[in-house]
Amino acid sequence: MKERLWRCYVLLVRRGAEMRHALTAFVFGTWLLLPFNTFGSSPTFREMVRMADESIWGILIVLIAYLHLRAIVGGGLLRRRLFGYVTASLWVFLAVLSFLSNPTTTAVPVFSIIALAALWTPLHLINGRMP
Protein backbone atom coordinates (compact mmCIF):
# COMPACT_ATOMS: atom_id res chain seq x y z
CA MET A 1 0.00 0.00 0.00
CA LYS A 2 2.79 2.40 0.94
CA GLU A 3 4.61 1.69 -2.34
CA ARG A 4 1.42 2.34 -4.32
CA LEU A 5 0.87 5.69 -2.57
CA TRP A 6 4.47 6.70 -3.23
CA ARG A 7 4.10 5.80 -6.92
CA CYS A 8 0.93 7.94 -7.17
CA TYR A 9 2.71 10.85 -5.49
CA VAL A 10 5.67 10.60 -7.83
CA LEU A 11 3.54 10.36 -10.96
CA LEU A 12 1.08 13.10 -10.07
CA VAL A 13 3.22 15.63 -8.22
CA ARG A 14 6.71 15.30 -9.60
CA ARG A 15 5.89 14.52 -13.21
CA GLY A 16 3.19 17.17 -12.98
CA ALA A 17 5.84 19.67 -11.91
CA GLU A 18 7.94 18.75 -14.94
CA MET A 19 4.92 19.19 -17.20
CA ARG A 20 4.12 22.59 -15.71
CA HIS A 21 7.64 23.86 -16.39
CA ALA A 22 7.59 22.66 -19.99
CA LEU A 23 4.06 23.98 -20.56
CA THR A 24 4.98 27.38 -19.10
CA ALA A 25 7.81 27.64 -21.61
CA PHE A 26 5.50 26.47 -24.39
CA VAL A 27 2.89 29.13 -23.57
CA PHE A 28 5.53 31.86 -23.32
CA GLY A 29 7.05 30.86 -26.66
CA THR A 30 3.63 30.70 -28.30
CA TRP A 31 2.81 34.15 -26.94
CA LEU A 32 5.94 35.50 -28.62
CA LEU A 33 4.80 34.00 -31.92
CA LEU A 34 1.50 35.89 -31.80
CA PRO A 35 1.38 39.28 -33.59
CA PHE A 36 1.31 41.40 -30.41
CA ASN A 37 4.77 43.05 -30.57
CA THR A 38 5.53 41.92 -27.04
CA PHE A 39 9.12 43.13 -27.21
CA GLY A 40 7.97 46.61 -28.17
CA SER A 41 5.77 46.85 -25.07
CA SER A 42 8.57 47.24 -22.52
CA PRO A 43 12.24 48.18 -22.32
CA THR A 44 12.69 44.92 -20.40
CA PHE A 45 13.08 43.08 -23.70
CA ARG A 46 15.72 45.45 -25.11
CA GLU A 47 18.58 42.94 -24.81
CA MET A 48 16.48 40.15 -26.29
CA VAL A 49 15.67 42.31 -29.33
CA ARG A 50 19.38 42.91 -29.90
CA MET A 51 20.01 39.17 -30.05
CA ALA A 52 17.12 38.00 -32.23
CA ASP A 53 13.67 38.84 -33.52
CA GLU A 54 10.62 38.07 -31.39
CA SER A 55 9.47 35.28 -33.70
CA ILE A 56 12.90 33.62 -33.54
CA TRP A 57 12.73 33.67 -29.74
CA GLY A 58 9.21 32.22 -29.92
CA ILE A 59 10.28 29.38 -32.20
CA LEU A 60 13.33 28.59 -30.05
CA ILE A 61 11.35 28.54 -26.79
CA VAL A 62 8.52 26.46 -28.28
CA LEU A 63 11.08 23.99 -29.65
CA ILE A 64 12.76 23.66 -26.23
CA ALA A 65 9.37 23.18 -24.57
CA TYR A 66 8.29 20.60 -27.17
CA LEU A 67 11.48 18.57 -26.72
CA HIS A 68 11.06 18.78 -22.94
CA LEU A 69 7.46 17.53 -23.21
CA ARG A 70 8.57 14.68 -25.47
CA ALA A 71 11.24 13.70 -22.95
CA ILE A 72 8.69 13.72 -20.12
CA VAL A 73 6.13 11.62 -21.99
CA GLY A 74 8.34 9.07 -23.71
CA GLY A 75 11.94 9.71 -22.82
CA GLY A 76 14.22 8.06 -20.38
CA LEU A 77 15.54 9.49 -17.17
CA LEU A 78 18.62 11.01 -18.84
CA ARG A 79 16.59 12.88 -21.48
CA ARG A 80 14.18 14.16 -18.83
CA ARG A 81 17.08 15.49 -16.76
CA LEU A 82 18.80 17.00 -19.78
CA PHE A 83 15.76 18.92 -20.99
CA GLY A 84 14.86 19.85 -17.42
CA TYR A 85 18.24 21.56 -17.18
CA VAL A 86 17.81 23.14 -20.62
CA THR A 87 14.42 24.58 -19.65
CA ALA A 88 15.77 25.86 -16.32
CA SER A 89 18.74 27.41 -18.15
CA LEU A 90 16.34 29.15 -20.50
CA TRP A 91 14.58 30.85 -17.57
CA VAL A 92 17.91 31.82 -15.97
CA PHE A 93 19.02 33.30 -19.29
CA LEU A 94 15.77 35.28 -19.60
CA ALA A 95 16.15 36.56 -16.02
CA VAL A 96 19.69 37.75 -16.73
CA LEU A 97 18.68 39.44 -19.99
CA SER A 98 15.77 41.13 -18.23
CA PHE A 99 18.10 42.35 -15.50
CA LEU A 100 20.56 43.74 -18.05
CA SER A 101 17.77 45.59 -19.86
CA ASN A 102 15.82 46.91 -16.91
CA PRO A 103 16.95 45.90 -13.38
CA THR A 104 13.81 47.28 -11.73
CA THR A 105 11.34 45.22 -13.74
CA THR A 106 9.22 42.51 -12.17
CA ALA A 107 10.37 40.14 -14.93
CA VAL A 108 13.64 39.55 -13.08
CA PRO A 109 12.13 37.97 -9.94
CA VAL A 110 9.41 36.22 -11.95
CA PHE A 111 11.87 34.58 -14.36
CA SER A 112 14.19 33.80 -11.43
CA ILE A 113 11.45 32.04 -9.47
CA ILE A 114 10.41 30.06 -12.53
CA ALA A 115 14.08 29.12 -13.08
CA LEU A 116 14.51 27.93 -9.49
CA ALA A 117 11.31 25.91 -9.66
CA ALA A 118 12.31 24.42 -13.02
CA LEU A 119 15.72 23.50 -11.63
CA TRP A 120 14.11 21.56 -8.78
CA THR A 121 12.79 18.72 -10.96
CA PRO A 122 15.96 17.63 -12.77
CA LEU A 123 17.86 17.78 -9.49
CA HIS A 124 15.37 15.27 -8.08
CA LEU A 125 15.65 12.95 -11.07
CA ILE A 126 18.56 11.13 -9.46
CA ASN A 127 19.05 7.39 -9.10
CA GLY A 128 15.80 6.62 -10.87
CA ARG A 129 13.70 7.71 -7.91
CA MET A 130 11.47 9.87 -10.03
CA PRO A 131 9.74 8.05 -12.92
C-alpha atoms as a PDB file:
ATOM      1  CA  MET A   1       0.000   0.000   0.000  1.00  0.00           C
ATOM      2  CA  LYS A   2       2.785   2.403   0.941  1.00  0.00           C
ATOM      3  CA  GLU A   3       4.608   1.691  -2.337  1.00  0.00           C
ATOM      4  CA  ARG A   4       1.422   2.338  -4.317  1.00  0.00           C
ATOM      5  CA  LEU A   5       0.868   5.692  -2.571  1.00  0.00           C
ATOM      6  CA  TRP A   6       4.472   6.701  -3.234  1.00  0.00           C
ATOM      7  CA  ARG A   7       4.099   5.804  -6.923  1.00  0.00           C
ATOM      8  CA  CYS A   8       0.931   7.942  -7.173  1.00  0.00           C
ATOM      9  CA  TYR A   9       2.712  10.848  -5.488  1.00  0.00           C
ATOM     10  CA  VAL A  10       5.670  10.601  -7.834  1.00  0.00           C
ATOM     11  CA  LEU A  11       3.535  10.361 -10.958  1.00  0.00           C
ATOM     12  CA  LEU A  12       1.083  13.102 -10.068  1.00  0.00           C
ATOM     13  CA  VAL A  13       3.219  15.632  -8.223  1.00  0.00           C
ATOM     14  CA  ARG A  14       6.711  15.302  -9.601  1.00  0.00           C
ATOM     15  CA  ARG A  15       5.894  14.519 -13.211  1.00  0.00           C
ATOM     16  CA  GLY A  16       3.191  17.168 -12.978  1.00  0.00           C
ATOM     17  CA  ALA A  17       5.843  19.668 -11.914  1.00  0.00           C
ATOM     18  CA  GLU A  18       7.942  18.750 -14.941  1.00  0.00           C
ATOM     19  CA  MET A  19       4.921  19.185 -17.202  1.00  0.00           C
ATOM     20  CA  ARG A  20       4.123  22.585 -15.708  1.00  0.00           C
ATOM     21  CA  HIS A  21       7.638  23.857 -16.394  1.00  0.00           C
ATOM     22  CA  ALA A  22       7.586  22.656 -19.989  1.00  0.00           C
ATOM     23  CA  LEU A  23       4.056  23.983 -20.565  1.00  0.00           C
ATOM     24  CA  THR A  24       4.977  27.375 -19.096  1.00  0.00           C
ATOM     25  CA  ALA A  25       7.812  27.645 -21.613  1.00  0.00           C
ATOM     26  CA  PHE A  26       5.500  26.469 -24.395  1.00  0.00           C
ATOM     27  CA  VAL A  27       2.885  29.125 -23.574  1.00  0.00           C
ATOM     28  CA  PHE A  28       5.526  31.862 -23.319  1.00  0.00           C
ATOM     29  CA  GLY A  29       7.053  30.858 -26.663  1.00  0.00           C
ATOM     30  CA  THR A  30       3.629  30.695 -28.301  1.00  0.00           C
ATOM     31  CA  TRP A  31       2.813  34.147 -26.937  1.00  0.00           C
ATOM     32  CA  LEU A  32       5.941  35.501 -28.616  1.00  0.00           C
ATOM     33  CA  LEU A  33       4.801  34.000 -31.916  1.00  0.00           C
ATOM     34  CA  LEU A  34       1.495  35.885 -31.801  1.00  0.00           C
ATOM     35  CA  PRO A  35       1.376  39.284 -33.589  1.00  0.00           C
ATOM     36  CA  PHE A  36       1.310  41.402 -30.410  1.00  0.00           C
ATOM     37  CA  ASN A  37       4.774  43.047 -30.574  1.00  0.00           C
ATOM     38  CA  THR A  38       5.528  41.920 -27.042  1.00  0.00           C
ATOM     39  CA  PHE A  39       9.120  43.125 -27.214  1.00  0.00           C
ATOM     40  CA  GLY A  40       7.967  46.609 -28.168  1.00  0.00           C
ATOM     41  CA  SER A  41       5.771  46.850 -25.068  1.00  0.00           C
ATOM     42  CA  SER A  42       8.572  47.244 -22.523  1.00  0.00           C
ATOM     43  CA  PRO A  43      12.238  48.176 -22.315  1.00  0.00           C
ATOM     44  CA  THR A  44      12.687  44.916 -20.398  1.00  0.00           C
ATOM     45  CA  PHE A  45      13.077  43.082 -23.701  1.00  0.00           C
ATOM     46  CA  ARG A  46      15.721  45.453 -25.112  1.00  0.00           C
ATOM     47  CA  GLU A  47      18.584  42.940 -24.813  1.00  0.00           C
ATOM     48  CA  MET A  48      16.483  40.152 -26.290  1.00  0.00           C
ATOM     49  CA  VAL A  49      15.672  42.306 -29.333  1.00  0.00           C
ATOM     50  CA  ARG A  50      19.382  42.909 -29.901  1.00  0.00           C
ATOM     51  CA  MET A  51      20.010  39.166 -30.053  1.00  0.00           C
ATOM     52  CA  ALA A  52      17.118  38.001 -32.232  1.00  0.00           C
ATOM     53  CA  ASP A  53      13.666  38.841 -33.521  1.00  0.00           C
ATOM     54  CA  GLU A  54      10.616  38.074 -31.388  1.00  0.00           C
ATOM     55  CA  SER A  55       9.466  35.281 -33.697  1.00  0.00           C
ATOM     56  CA  ILE A  56      12.901  33.618 -33.542  1.00  0.00           C
ATOM     57  CA  TRP A  57      12.726  33.672 -29.739  1.00  0.00           C
ATOM     58  CA  GLY A  58       9.214  32.216 -29.917  1.00  0.00           C
ATOM     59  CA  ILE A  59      10.276  29.377 -32.198  1.00  0.00           C
ATOM     60  CA  LEU A  60      13.330  28.588 -30.050  1.00  0.00           C
ATOM     61  CA  ILE A  61      11.350  28.544 -26.789  1.00  0.00           C
ATOM     62  CA  VAL A  62       8.516  26.463 -28.280  1.00  0.00           C
ATOM     63  CA  LEU A  63      11.085  23.993 -29.646  1.00  0.00           C
ATOM     64  CA  ILE A  64      12.764  23.657 -26.234  1.00  0.00           C
ATOM     65  CA  ALA A  65       9.369  23.180 -24.573  1.00  0.00           C
ATOM     66  CA  TYR A  66       8.294  20.603 -27.175  1.00  0.00           C
ATOM     67  CA  LEU A  67      11.480  18.574 -26.721  1.00  0.00           C
ATOM     68  CA  HIS A  68      11.062  18.775 -22.944  1.00  0.00           C
ATOM     69  CA  LEU A  69       7.463  17.530 -23.207  1.00  0.00           C
ATOM     70  CA  ARG A  70       8.574  14.676 -25.474  1.00  0.00           C
ATOM     71  CA  ALA A  71      11.237  13.698 -22.955  1.00  0.00           C
ATOM     72  CA  ILE A  72       8.689  13.719 -20.122  1.00  0.00           C
ATOM     73  CA  VAL A  73       6.131  11.620 -21.987  1.00  0.00           C
ATOM     74  CA  GLY A  74       8.339   9.075 -23.711  1.00  0.00           C
ATOM     75  CA  GLY A  75      11.942   9.706 -22.823  1.00  0.00           C
ATOM     76  CA  GLY A  76      14.216   8.059 -20.383  1.00  0.00           C
ATOM     77  CA  LEU A  77      15.541   9.485 -17.175  1.00  0.00           C
ATOM     78  CA  LEU A  78      18.617  11.007 -18.840  1.00  0.00           C
ATOM     79  CA  ARG A  79      16.595  12.885 -21.477  1.00  0.00           C
ATOM     80  CA  ARG A  80      14.183  14.163 -18.827  1.00  0.00           C
ATOM     81  CA  ARG A  81      17.084  15.489 -16.756  1.00  0.00           C
ATOM     82  CA  LEU A  82      18.799  16.997 -19.785  1.00  0.00           C
ATOM     83  CA  PHE A  83      15.756  18.916 -20.994  1.00  0.00           C
ATOM     84  CA  GLY A  84      14.864  19.854 -17.424  1.00  0.00           C
ATOM     85  CA  TYR A  85      18.245  21.562 -17.177  1.00  0.00           C
ATOM     86  CA  VAL A  86      17.813  23.136 -20.618  1.00  0.00           C
ATOM     87  CA  THR A  87      14.423  24.577 -19.646  1.00  0.00           C
ATOM     88  CA  ALA A  88      15.771  25.861 -16.316  1.00  0.00           C
ATOM     89  CA  SER A  89      18.738  27.407 -18.151  1.00  0.00           C
ATOM     90  CA  LEU A  90      16.340  29.154 -20.503  1.00  0.00           C
ATOM     91  CA  TRP A  91      14.578  30.854 -17.572  1.00  0.00           C
ATOM     92  CA  VAL A  92      17.906  31.818 -15.970  1.00  0.00           C
ATOM     93  CA  PHE A  93      19.016  33.304 -19.294  1.00  0.00           C
ATOM     94  CA  LEU A  94      15.774  35.280 -19.602  1.00  0.00           C
ATOM     95  CA  ALA A  95      16.149  36.559 -16.024  1.00  0.00           C
ATOM     96  CA  VAL A  96      19.693  37.746 -16.735  1.00  0.00           C
ATOM     97  CA  LEU A  97      18.676  39.436 -19.994  1.00  0.00           C
ATOM     98  CA  SER A  98      15.771  41.134 -18.230  1.00  0.00           C
ATOM     99  CA  PHE A  99      18.098  42.350 -15.498  1.00  0.00           C
ATOM    100  CA  LEU A 100      20.555  43.736 -18.050  1.00  0.00           C
ATOM    101  CA  SER A 101      17.774  45.595 -19.860  1.00  0.00           C
ATOM    102  CA  ASN A 102      15.822  46.906 -16.905  1.00  0.00           C
ATOM    103  CA  PRO A 103      16.953  45.900 -13.378  1.00  0.00           C
ATOM    104  CA  THR A 104      13.808  47.277 -11.731  1.00  0.00           C
ATOM    105  CA  THR A 105      11.338  45.220 -13.744  1.00  0.00           C
ATOM    106  CA  THR A 106       9.216  42.511 -12.169  1.00  0.00           C
ATOM    107  CA  ALA A 107      10.369  40.143 -14.930  1.00  0.00           C
ATOM    108  CA  VAL A 108      13.643  39.549 -13.078  1.00  0.00           C
ATOM    109  CA  PRO A 109      12.128  37.973  -9.937  1.00  0.00           C
ATOM    110  CA  VAL A 110       9.407  36.216 -11.953  1.00  0.00           C
ATOM    111  CA  PHE A 111      11.866  34.579 -14.363  1.00  0.00           C
ATOM    112  CA  SER A 112      14.193  33.802 -11.434  1.00  0.00           C
ATOM    113  CA  ILE A 113      11.452  32.041  -9.465  1.00  0.00           C
ATOM    114  CA  ILE A 114      10.411  30.061 -12.529  1.00  0.00           C
ATOM    115  CA  ALA A 115      14.082  29.122 -13.076  1.00  0.00           C
ATOM    116  CA  LEU A 116      14.505  27.930  -9.492  1.00  0.00           C
ATOM    117  CA  ALA A 117      11.307  25.905  -9.657  1.00  0.00           C
ATOM    118  CA  ALA A 118      12.307  24.423 -13.023  1.00  0.00           C
ATOM    119  CA  LEU A 119      15.717  23.499 -11.628  1.00  0.00           C
ATOM    120  CA  TRP A 120      14.109  21.555  -8.778  1.00  0.00           C
ATOM    121  CA  THR A 121      12.788  18.725 -10.961  1.00  0.00           C
ATOM    122  CA  PRO A 122      15.959  17.625 -12.771  1.00  0.00           C
ATOM    123  CA  LEU A 123      17.861  17.782  -9.492  1.00  0.00           C
ATOM    124  CA  HIS A 124      15.375  15.272  -8.077  1.00  0.00           C
ATOM    125  CA  LEU A 125      15.652  12.945 -11.069  1.00  0.00           C
ATOM    126  CA  ILE A 126      18.565  11.135  -9.462  1.00  0.00           C
ATOM    127  CA  ASN A 127      19.055   7.388  -9.098  1.00  0.00           C
ATOM    128  CA  GLY A 128      15.801   6.616 -10.871  1.00  0.00           C
ATOM    129  CA  ARG A 129      13.696   7.705  -7.906  1.00  0.00           C
ATOM    130  CA  MET A 130      11.466   9.865 -10.030  1.00  0.00           C
ATOM    131  CA  PRO A 131       9.744   8.053 -12.916  1.00  0.00           C
END
